[in-house]
Every structure is written in structure tokens, then in C-alpha cells.
């Protein structure tokens, strides 16, 4: 009895520590992650399920004292642990699939077979309450593994093994800096699973999962929350923060400039050729803008088909040089690339006036209005040329 109490305290301590880590990761991810992207949703769900499973792991260890609240805690804790066990690797497989293919439709289809596997586990778990297949709790309120415990433990184990193989096979489609972090994810929980199978009473699977989540957070998610996942450039949050920093550090002698860019006729590209082609057009623009500026300049996706380039130049001549370079690169792209559409851009640009004391929002509205004037002027020229023809 004393050994069981020591095990309970040890488990409680390490689980509370793991939960504290997850709270920090969850707070960080919820604050900065763009919830419009499926991989961010899946990562946050992965954190939530792991957190609750750590709680259930604690309450599922109240063996002994039958007829008391211990019996309720023991039964409910173990039931919920077995129920949620396949859900964590299901979310992880979905996360990895989206990281590789960046196709939300494909990843969502993947959840149909995963749902079947989880439904099978649900049925087996409920039958185990009668036949004791997965586990059973005796009259003394003591937990015992059932004859089919290996089935329950094999489902998440095989999930993780499959995902690791899937990552390795598709390694060329994954950014090198992300590959090792994704591949390593499986090691801590697999070690914990092996220890749990071999040594009765030891449970480090969830704590290993927390370590894996922490590695993904540091090496992938911390960076990706500031990246527009489709185009690979900085997202709106990072853009606003960067402009705020530039305005705060601007002086009368040292300022900066920015270009607001909109793709002409982007809606018609989506309508005529589909969203996949529209996505490729956005990616092409991001690459063209990247090749048109210096490595220490900044590109952010403002939203939709709008981008913003922030340059470390404070005179109009150098700003116009960059604008013309972008125009020339777009012209070359249309001449050389084999695509069913022609790309065109409208741009509004200005050097930030330090004396104006414009805020981030005011400066963005200023160059945005200049961009729309450029678009209206261009549309006016097109209409006039059509009338003359």
C-alpha cells in the first residue's frame, strides 16, 4: 500500500510538471497561431487531448479503498485514457500529412479511416467493461491488464510507427530544418510505450508525448506561427509587429519605405482555373517578390491577394528602383513561364515620413490607398484602350 502511494505521488508530480509545460505551449500557440490553417488547429487539439489525458492518468491511479470515491476515479480515469489513446496519434498523423502536402482537403479525407479505427477502439473499450478485454478493476478496486491489452496499446503504437515511416518516405517534400523534428517526435512516446508494456505500473508515454510536443513547438511551431503557410512569407501578425518596430526606430535621418501590392484580377484566376491554380499564383508572386529585394528586406502577406514589402531605404529613387525591378520580374515571368494566366500587379508605395507620426494602421492605409489609385488608373487605361479599339 505504501509503494502504491509513492507511485501515485511520483506520477502526480511528473504529470503536473508536464501539464505546466503544456499550458505554456498552449498559451503561446493560441496567442500567435493563425487558426485558419488546419495544421495549427490540429497542433492545438493535440495539446488539449494530451493535457486532459495527463489528468485522467492521475485519477486513474486511485487503486484500493473500494466503495469510496477512489472506485469512481479509478474507473473513469482508466476508461477515458483508453478512449483517448488513439486520438493523439490521429491528430499527429493529420498534422504531418498537412505539413507535407499542404492540402486541407486531402488531410480532412484522411480522418475518415482514422475515425473508423477510433470507433473500433470505442466499441472494444465498452465491451471490455463487460468482458475485461482491455483491463478490469476487481472488487478491491485494483486495476489489472486484460487479455487484449496488447490490442489497445498497439493501436497508438502502430499509428506513430506508420507516421514516422510516412515522414521518412516523404522527406524530400519536407523542409530540412523541420524533417528531424518531425521524425524525432515518435521516439519519446515509443520509448515510454515500450517501458509501459514491459514494466507494469510505469507510465511515461504521455510525458514522452509532452517532450515531443515541446520539440515541435521550439523547432517548427514557433517559426510557423509567424509564417503565412501557403506562400512561405511572413504573415499579417509579423508584418504589423515589424512595421511597428520600424516606426518606433525611425528618425529624421533614417527612415524606411514600404510597397503595398495587389494581384490584378486574382478573383478571375480562381474562378476560371480553380483555387489550386490561384494558390500557385500566390506562391509565384511571393517568389518573385523575394527575388526582387535584398535578403534583409521584409515581405509579408497583408491578406488575400495583397502583399506588403518593407525596405530599408529612405529615398524615393531607391524605392522606385525596387518597384521597377518587381515590374520587370513580373514581365519576365509572364514571358517565360507556361501558365494559363497572366500576372499583373497594382502597387502603392511611399517613404515613411518620420515627422508625420503616422501609426502602423495609418501608414498601411496610406500606401493601401495609393495602391488602389494605381489600380483604378490602370483599369481606366484598359477601359479607354478597349473603347478606342
Protein backbone atom coordinates (compact mmCIF):
# COMPACT_ATOMS: atom_id res chain seq x y z
CA UNK A 1 0.00 0.00 0.00
CA UNK A 2 2.86 2.33 0.82
CA UNK A 3 4.50 1.58 -2.56
CA UNK A 4 1.22 2.39 -4.35
CA UNK A 5 1.05 5.73 -2.50
CA UNK A 6 4.65 6.55 -3.53
CA UNK A 7 3.81 5.65 -7.16
CA UNK A 8 0.73 7.88 -7.01
CA UNK A 9 2.73 10.84 -5.69
CA UNK A 10 5.52 10.29 -8.26
CA UNK A 11 3.02 10.08 -11.10
CA UNK A 12 1.16 13.14 -9.81
CA UNK A 13 4.38 15.18 -9.64
CA UNK A 14 5.67 14.37 -13.13
CA UNK A 15 2.21 14.78 -14.68
CA UNK A 16 1.67 18.17 -13.06
CA UNK A 17 5.06 19.27 -14.36
CA UNK A 18 4.14 18.03 -17.86
CA UNK A 19 0.77 19.84 -17.67
CA UNK A 20 2.52 23.06 -16.70
CA UNK A 21 4.70 22.78 -19.83
CA UNK A 22 1.62 22.17 -21.99
CA UNK A 23 -0.12 25.25 -20.56
CA UNK A 24 2.85 27.40 -21.60
CA UNK A 25 2.91 25.85 -25.10
CA UNK A 26 -0.87 26.18 -25.47
CA UNK A 27 -0.84 29.83 -24.38
CA UNK A 28 1.93 30.62 -26.86
CA UNK A 29 0.27 28.75 -29.73
CA UNK A 30 -3.20 30.18 -29.08
CA UNK A 31 -1.84 33.71 -28.93
CA UNK A 32 0.12 33.69 -32.17
CA UNK A 33 -1.08 30.77 -34.32
CA UNK A 34 -3.34 31.51 -37.27
CA UNK A 35 -6.38 29.30 -36.63
CA UNK A 36 -7.37 29.44 -40.30
CA UNK A 37 -4.71 26.83 -41.06
CA UNK A 38 -5.51 23.20 -40.35
CA UNK A 39 -2.07 22.29 -39.00
CA UNK A 40 -2.40 24.94 -36.27
CA UNK A 41 -5.84 23.61 -35.31
CA UNK A 42 -4.51 20.06 -35.12
CA UNK A 43 -1.49 21.08 -33.05
CA UNK A 44 -3.68 22.89 -30.52
CA UNK A 45 -6.06 19.90 -30.34
CA UNK A 46 -3.04 17.64 -29.80
CA UNK A 47 -2.01 19.78 -26.82
CA UNK A 48 -5.53 19.76 -25.36
CA UNK A 49 -6.02 15.99 -25.59
CA UNK A 50 -2.58 15.31 -24.09
CA UNK A 51 -3.33 17.72 -21.23
CA UNK A 52 -6.61 16.00 -20.35
CA UNK A 53 -5.04 12.56 -20.64
CA UNK A 54 -2.44 13.58 -18.06
CA UNK A 55 -5.32 14.45 -15.71
CA UNK A 56 -7.04 11.13 -16.41
CA UNK A 57 -3.74 9.32 -15.85
CA UNK A 58 -3.62 10.80 -12.35
CA UNK A 59 -7.19 9.99 -11.36
CA UNK A 60 -6.93 6.52 -12.92
CA UNK A 61 -4.35 5.55 -10.29
CA UNK A 62 -6.57 5.70 -7.22
CA UNK A 63 -6.45 1.97 -6.53
CA UNK A 64 -7.81 0.46 -3.34
CA UNK A 65 -10.48 1.62 -0.89
CA UNK A 66 -13.45 0.05 -2.73
CA UNK A 67 -16.82 1.67 -2.28
CA UNK A 68 -15.32 5.14 -1.94
CA UNK A 69 -14.67 7.93 -4.45
CA UNK A 70 -11.49 6.04 -5.34
CA UNK A 71 -13.59 3.50 -7.24
CA UNK A 72 -15.24 6.21 -9.35
CA UNK A 73 -11.92 7.94 -10.06
CA UNK A 74 -10.15 4.69 -10.90
CA UNK A 75 -12.87 3.51 -13.27
CA UNK A 76 -13.50 6.83 -15.06
CA UNK A 77 -9.81 7.73 -15.33
CA UNK A 78 -8.82 4.44 -16.98
CA UNK A 79 -11.87 4.45 -19.27
CA UNK A 80 -11.06 7.92 -20.60
CA UNK A 81 -7.37 7.08 -21.00
CA UNK A 82 -8.14 4.08 -23.22
CA UNK A 83 -10.77 6.10 -25.12
CA UNK A 84 -8.43 8.98 -25.99
CA UNK A 85 -5.26 6.96 -26.58
CA UNK A 86 -5.68 6.64 -30.40
CA UNK A 87 -6.83 10.25 -30.80
CA UNK A 88 -3.41 11.79 -30.09
CA UNK A 89 -1.59 9.87 -32.87
CA UNK A 90 -4.59 10.53 -35.17
CA UNK A 91 -4.11 14.28 -34.77
CA UNK A 92 -0.35 13.84 -35.20
CA UNK A 93 -0.78 11.94 -38.48
CA UNK A 94 -3.11 14.67 -39.74
CA UNK A 95 -0.61 17.35 -38.71
CA UNK A 96 2.23 15.59 -40.55
CA UNK A 97 0.11 14.99 -43.66
CA UNK A 98 -0.73 18.70 -43.86
CA UNK A 99 2.90 19.68 -43.28
CA UNK A 100 3.92 17.51 -46.24
CA UNK A 101 1.14 18.16 -48.76
CA UNK A 102 -0.31 21.49 -47.57
CA UNK A 103 -3.68 20.30 -48.83
CA UNK A 104 -6.53 20.68 -46.37
CA UNK A 105 -8.97 18.63 -48.48
CA UNK A 106 -6.56 15.69 -48.63
CA UNK A 107 -5.87 15.82 -44.88
CA UNK A 108 -9.57 16.01 -43.98
CA UNK A 109 -10.25 12.90 -46.11
CA UNK A 110 -7.60 11.12 -44.08
CA UNK A 111 -9.77 11.42 -40.98
CA UNK A 112 -12.43 9.06 -42.36
CA UNK A 113 -10.30 5.88 -41.94
CA UNK A 114 -8.92 7.30 -38.69
CA UNK A 115 -12.47 7.70 -37.44
CA UNK A 116 -13.15 4.03 -38.20
CA UNK A 117 -10.12 2.95 -36.15
CA UNK A 118 -11.15 5.16 -33.25
CA UNK A 119 -14.71 3.79 -33.47
CA UNK A 120 -13.31 0.25 -33.29
CA UNK A 121 -11.37 1.20 -30.16
CA UNK A 122 -14.53 2.73 -28.67
CA UNK A 123 -16.53 -0.47 -29.23
CA UNK A 124 -13.76 -2.69 -27.85
CA UNK A 125 -13.38 -0.45 -24.81
CA UNK A 126 -17.09 -0.65 -23.97
CA UNK A 127 -17.13 -4.42 -24.42
CA UNK A 128 -14.10 -4.52 -22.11
CA UNK A 129 -16.28 -3.09 -19.35
CA UNK A 130 -18.17 -6.43 -19.50
CA UNK A 131 -15.50 -8.92 -20.55
CA UNK A 132 -12.34 -7.26 -19.20
CA UNK A 133 -10.52 -7.44 -22.55
CA UNK A 134 -8.50 -4.21 -22.28
CA UNK A 135 -8.44 -4.02 -18.49
CA UNK A 136 -10.59 -4.79 -15.49
CA UNK A 137 -10.89 -3.43 -11.97
CA UNK A 138 -11.52 -6.09 -9.33
CA UNK A 139 -13.70 -5.97 -6.23
CA UNK A 140 -10.81 -4.49 -4.25
CA UNK A 141 -10.67 -1.58 -6.74
CA UNK A 142 -7.34 -2.76 -8.14
CA UNK A 143 -6.54 -2.26 -11.83
CA UNK A 144 -5.42 -5.26 -13.94
CA UNK A 145 -4.47 -5.56 -17.61
CA UNK A 146 -6.84 -7.65 -19.70
CA UNK A 147 -6.06 -10.42 -22.20
CA UNK A 148 -6.38 -7.95 -25.11
CA UNK A 149 -4.44 -5.13 -23.50
CA UNK A 150 -1.91 -5.54 -26.30
CA UNK A 151 -4.59 -4.51 -28.84
CA UNK A 152 -5.25 -1.25 -27.01
CA UNK A 153 -1.54 -0.44 -26.66
CA UNK A 154 -0.74 -1.49 -30.25
CA UNK A 155 -3.21 0.95 -31.90
CA UNK A 156 -1.40 4.19 -30.91
CA UNK A 157 1.99 2.43 -31.21
CA UNK A 158 1.30 1.41 -34.83
CA UNK A 159 -0.11 4.86 -35.59
CA UNK A 160 3.14 6.51 -34.52
CA UNK A 161 5.31 3.95 -36.35
CA UNK A 162 3.30 4.47 -39.55
CA UNK A 163 3.58 8.25 -39.25
CA UNK A 164 7.37 8.00 -38.79
CA UNK A 165 7.68 5.84 -41.92
CA UNK A 166 5.38 8.29 -43.75
CA UNK A 167 7.67 11.18 -42.75
CA UNK A 168 10.80 9.34 -43.90
CA UNK A 169 9.31 8.36 -47.28
CA UNK A 170 8.25 11.96 -47.93
CA UNK A 171 11.43 13.55 -46.53
CA UNK A 172 12.17 15.36 -49.81
CA UNK A 173 8.86 17.23 -49.54
CA UNK A 174 9.66 18.47 -46.03
CA UNK A 175 11.89 21.43 -45.28
CA UNK A 176 15.23 20.16 -43.98
CA UNK A 177 15.00 22.22 -40.80
CA UNK A 178 11.65 20.53 -39.97
CA UNK A 179 12.43 16.95 -41.02
CA UNK A 180 14.42 15.82 -37.96
CA UNK A 181 11.96 17.41 -35.52
CA UNK A 182 9.03 15.62 -37.16
CA UNK A 183 10.90 12.33 -37.27
CA UNK A 184 12.09 12.59 -33.66
CA UNK A 185 8.52 13.17 -32.43
CA UNK A 186 7.87 9.43 -32.24
CA UNK A 187 10.91 8.47 -30.15
CA UNK A 188 9.96 9.68 -26.60
CA UNK A 189 6.39 8.22 -26.64
CA UNK A 190 7.62 4.98 -28.24
CA UNK A 191 10.23 4.56 -25.51
CA UNK A 192 7.53 5.29 -22.93
CA UNK A 193 5.18 2.75 -24.58
CA UNK A 194 7.89 0.07 -24.55
CA UNK A 195 8.61 0.72 -20.86
CA UNK A 196 4.90 0.62 -20.03
CA UNK A 197 4.43 -2.75 -21.78
CA UNK A 198 7.49 -4.35 -20.20
CA UNK A 199 7.31 -2.87 -16.71
CA UNK A 200 3.89 -2.99 -15.13
CA UNK A 201 2.94 0.21 -13.30
CA UNK A 202 5.31 2.52 -15.20
CA UNK A 203 3.55 5.14 -17.34
CA UNK A 204 5.76 7.60 -19.20
CA UNK A 205 4.02 7.61 -22.61
CA UNK A 206 2.21 10.90 -22.06
CA UNK A 207 5.26 12.55 -20.54
CA UNK A 208 7.24 11.46 -23.60
CA UNK A 209 4.48 12.96 -25.76
CA UNK A 210 4.87 16.28 -23.94
CA UNK A 211 8.60 16.24 -24.71
CA UNK A 212 7.81 15.62 -28.38
CA UNK A 213 5.26 18.46 -28.45
CA UNK A 214 7.82 20.76 -26.83
CA UNK A 215 10.38 19.93 -29.56
CA UNK A 216 7.83 20.63 -32.31
CA UNK A 217 6.90 23.90 -30.62
CA UNK A 218 10.51 25.08 -30.44
CA UNK A 219 11.70 23.91 -33.85
CA UNK A 220 8.60 24.23 -36.03
CA UNK A 221 5.66 25.97 -34.46
CA UNK A 222 7.43 28.99 -33.00
CA UNK A 223 8.55 29.84 -36.51
CA UNK A 224 5.44 28.77 -38.39
CA UNK A 225 3.06 30.92 -36.29
CA UNK A 226 4.64 33.97 -37.92
CA UNK A 227 4.76 32.47 -41.41
CA UNK A 228 1.99 32.50 -44.00
CA UNK A 229 1.76 28.78 -44.61
CA UNK A 230 0.66 28.98 -48.25
CA UNK A 231 3.30 31.39 -49.57
CA UNK A 232 6.12 30.94 -47.06
CA UNK A 233 6.45 34.70 -46.43
CA UNK A 234 5.71 36.46 -43.15
CA UNK A 235 2.08 36.65 -42.04
CA UNK A 236 -0.02 39.69 -41.08
CA UNK A 237 0.87 39.45 -37.39
CA UNK A 238 4.59 39.51 -38.13
CA UNK A 239 4.10 42.32 -40.67
CA UNK A 240 2.29 44.53 -38.15
CA UNK A 241 4.93 43.86 -35.49
CA UNK A 242 7.76 44.59 -37.94
CA UNK A 243 6.20 47.87 -39.13
CA UNK A 244 5.62 48.92 -35.52
CA UNK A 245 9.30 48.30 -34.76
CA UNK A 246 10.39 50.22 -37.88
CA UNK A 247 8.22 53.20 -36.95
CA UNK A 248 9.49 53.23 -33.38
CA UNK A 249 13.13 53.23 -34.51
CA UNK A 250 12.68 55.66 -37.41
CA UNK A 251 14.47 59.02 -37.21
CA UNK A 252 14.62 62.13 -39.35
CA UNK A 253 17.84 60.86 -40.95
CA UNK A 254 17.00 57.17 -41.08
CA UNK A 255 13.56 56.02 -42.12
CA UNK A 256 12.18 53.20 -44.29
CA UNK A 257 9.75 52.66 -47.14
CA UNK A 258 7.02 50.18 -47.99
CA UNK A 259 5.17 48.86 -51.02
CA UNK A 260 1.59 47.59 -50.88
CA UNK A 261 0.97 45.10 -53.69
CA UNK A 262 -2.27 43.66 -55.06
CA UNK A 263 -2.63 40.98 -57.76
CA UNK A 264 -4.81 42.24 -60.61
CA UNK A 265 -7.74 40.02 -61.50
CA UNK A 266 -6.90 37.39 -58.90
CA UNK A 267 -10.57 36.51 -58.38
CA UNK A 268 -10.92 35.68 -62.07
CA UNK A 269 -7.89 33.34 -61.82
CA UNK A 270 -9.62 31.45 -59.00
CA UNK A 271 -12.98 31.44 -60.79
CA UNK A 272 -11.62 30.31 -64.17
CA UNK A 273 -8.86 27.88 -63.19
CA UNK A 274 -9.69 26.84 -59.62
CA UNK A 275 -8.22 27.59 -56.22
CA UNK A 276 -5.24 25.27 -56.70
CA UNK A 277 -4.04 27.41 -59.62
CA UNK A 278 -4.85 30.53 -57.60
CA UNK A 279 -2.67 29.22 -54.76
CA UNK A 280 0.18 28.62 -57.20
CA UNK A 281 -0.19 32.19 -58.47
CA UNK A 282 0.15 33.50 -54.90
CA UNK A 283 3.24 31.33 -54.38
CA UNK A 284 4.72 32.60 -57.67
CA UNK A 285 4.22 36.22 -56.59
CA UNK A 286 5.88 35.52 -53.23
CA UNK A 287 8.92 34.04 -55.01
CA UNK A 288 9.10 36.94 -57.47
CA UNK A 289 8.97 39.49 -54.68
CA UNK A 290 11.65 37.62 -52.75
CA UNK A 291 13.95 37.62 -55.79
CA UNK A 292 13.33 41.36 -56.32
CA UNK A 293 14.57 42.60 -52.94
CA UNK A 294 17.56 42.21 -50.66
CA UNK A 295 17.80 39.41 -48.14
CA UNK A 296 17.47 41.85 -45.21
CA UNK A 297 14.27 43.41 -46.59
CA UNK A 298 10.87 42.17 -45.46
CA UNK A 299 7.89 40.57 -47.21
CA UNK A 300 4.54 39.95 -45.54
CA UNK A 301 1.18 38.75 -46.80
CA UNK A 302 -1.23 41.51 -45.87
CA UNK A 303 -4.26 39.36 -46.61
CA UNK A 304 -5.94 37.62 -49.54
CA UNK A 305 -4.03 38.59 -52.68
CA UNK A 306 -2.26 41.57 -51.09
CA UNK A 307 1.39 41.64 -50.05
CA UNK A 308 3.49 44.27 -48.34
CA UNK A 309 7.22 44.78 -48.87
CA UNK A 310 9.15 46.81 -46.30
CA UNK A 311 12.51 48.20 -47.44
CA UNK A 312 15.39 49.69 -45.52
CA UNK A 313 15.63 52.64 -47.92
CA UNK A 314 14.57 56.19 -47.17
CA UNK A 315 14.80 57.96 -50.54
CA UNK A 316 12.27 57.74 -53.37
CA UNK A 317 14.83 56.99 -56.10
CA UNK A 318 15.96 53.75 -54.49
CA UNK A 319 12.34 52.88 -53.73
CA UNK A 320 11.42 53.35 -57.42
CA UNK A 321 14.35 51.11 -58.39
CA UNK A 322 12.79 48.27 -56.41
CA UNK A 323 9.32 48.97 -57.84
CA UNK A 324 10.70 48.83 -61.40
CA UNK A 325 12.63 45.66 -60.60
CA UNK A 326 9.40 43.99 -59.45
CA UNK A 327 7.64 45.11 -62.64
CA UNK A 328 10.46 43.74 -64.82
CA UNK A 329 10.48 40.41 -62.99
CA UNK A 330 6.71 40.06 -63.44
CA UNK A 331 7.11 40.81 -67.16
CA UNK A 332 9.82 38.15 -67.48
CA UNK A 333 7.67 35.65 -65.61
CA UNK A 334 4.73 36.17 -67.97
CA UNK A 335 7.00 35.75 -70.99
CA UNK A 336 8.91 32.69 -69.80
CA UNK A 337 6.57 30.66 -67.59
CA UNK A 338 3.96 28.31 -69.03
CA UNK A 339 0.81 29.15 -67.10
CA UNK A 340 -2.83 29.70 -68.15
CA UNK A 341 -2.95 33.22 -66.71
CA UNK A 342 -1.04 36.49 -66.93
CA UNK A 343 0.07 38.08 -63.68
CA UNK A 344 -0.28 41.80 -63.15
CA UNK A 345 0.28 43.93 -60.07
CA UNK A 346 -1.01 47.20 -58.69
CA UNK A 347 1.38 48.91 -56.27
CA UNK A 348 1.18 51.74 -53.81
CA UNK A 349 4.45 52.86 -52.24
CA UNK A 350 5.91 55.61 -50.10
CA UNK A 351 8.82 56.52 -47.85
CA UNK A 352 7.68 56.76 -44.24
CA UNK A 353 7.62 60.40 -43.14
CA UNK A 354 9.09 60.49 -39.66
CA UNK A 355 7.55 63.90 -38.94
CA UNK A 356 4.02 62.70 -39.76
CA UNK A 357 3.91 60.44 -36.67
CA UNK A 358 1.69 58.01 -38.55
CA UNK A 359 0.81 54.81 -36.72
CA UNK A 360 1.15 51.37 -38.30
CA UNK A 361 -2.55 51.38 -39.27
CA UNK A 362 -2.37 54.90 -40.71
CA UNK A 363 0.73 54.15 -42.77
CA UNK A 364 -0.81 50.93 -44.07
CA UNK A 365 -3.98 52.78 -45.06
CA UNK A 366 -1.84 55.43 -46.78
CA UNK A 367 0.06 53.04 -49.05
CA UNK A 368 -3.09 50.92 -49.49
CA UNK A 369 -4.97 53.96 -50.84
CA UNK A 370 -2.04 54.70 -53.18
CA UNK A 371 -2.22 51.13 -54.41
CA UNK A 372 -5.94 51.38 -55.14
CA UNK A 373 -5.38 54.65 -57.01
CA UNK A 374 -2.82 52.80 -59.11
CA UNK A 375 -5.35 50.01 -59.72
CA UNK A 376 -8.09 52.48 -60.70
CA UNK A 377 -5.71 54.29 -63.02
CA UNK A 378 -4.73 51.01 -64.65
CA UNK A 379 -8.39 49.97 -65.04
CA UNK A 380 -9.16 53.36 -66.57
CA UNK A 381 -6.40 52.88 -69.14
CA UNK A 382 -7.69 49.41 -70.00
CA UNK A 383 -11.26 50.67 -70.46
CA UNK A 384 -10.08 53.56 -72.64
CA UNK A 385 -7.98 51.23 -74.81
CA UNK A 386 -10.95 48.89 -75.28
CA UNK A 387 -13.18 51.81 -76.29
CA UNK A 388 -10.61 53.07 -78.78
CA UNK A 389 -10.25 49.61 -80.29
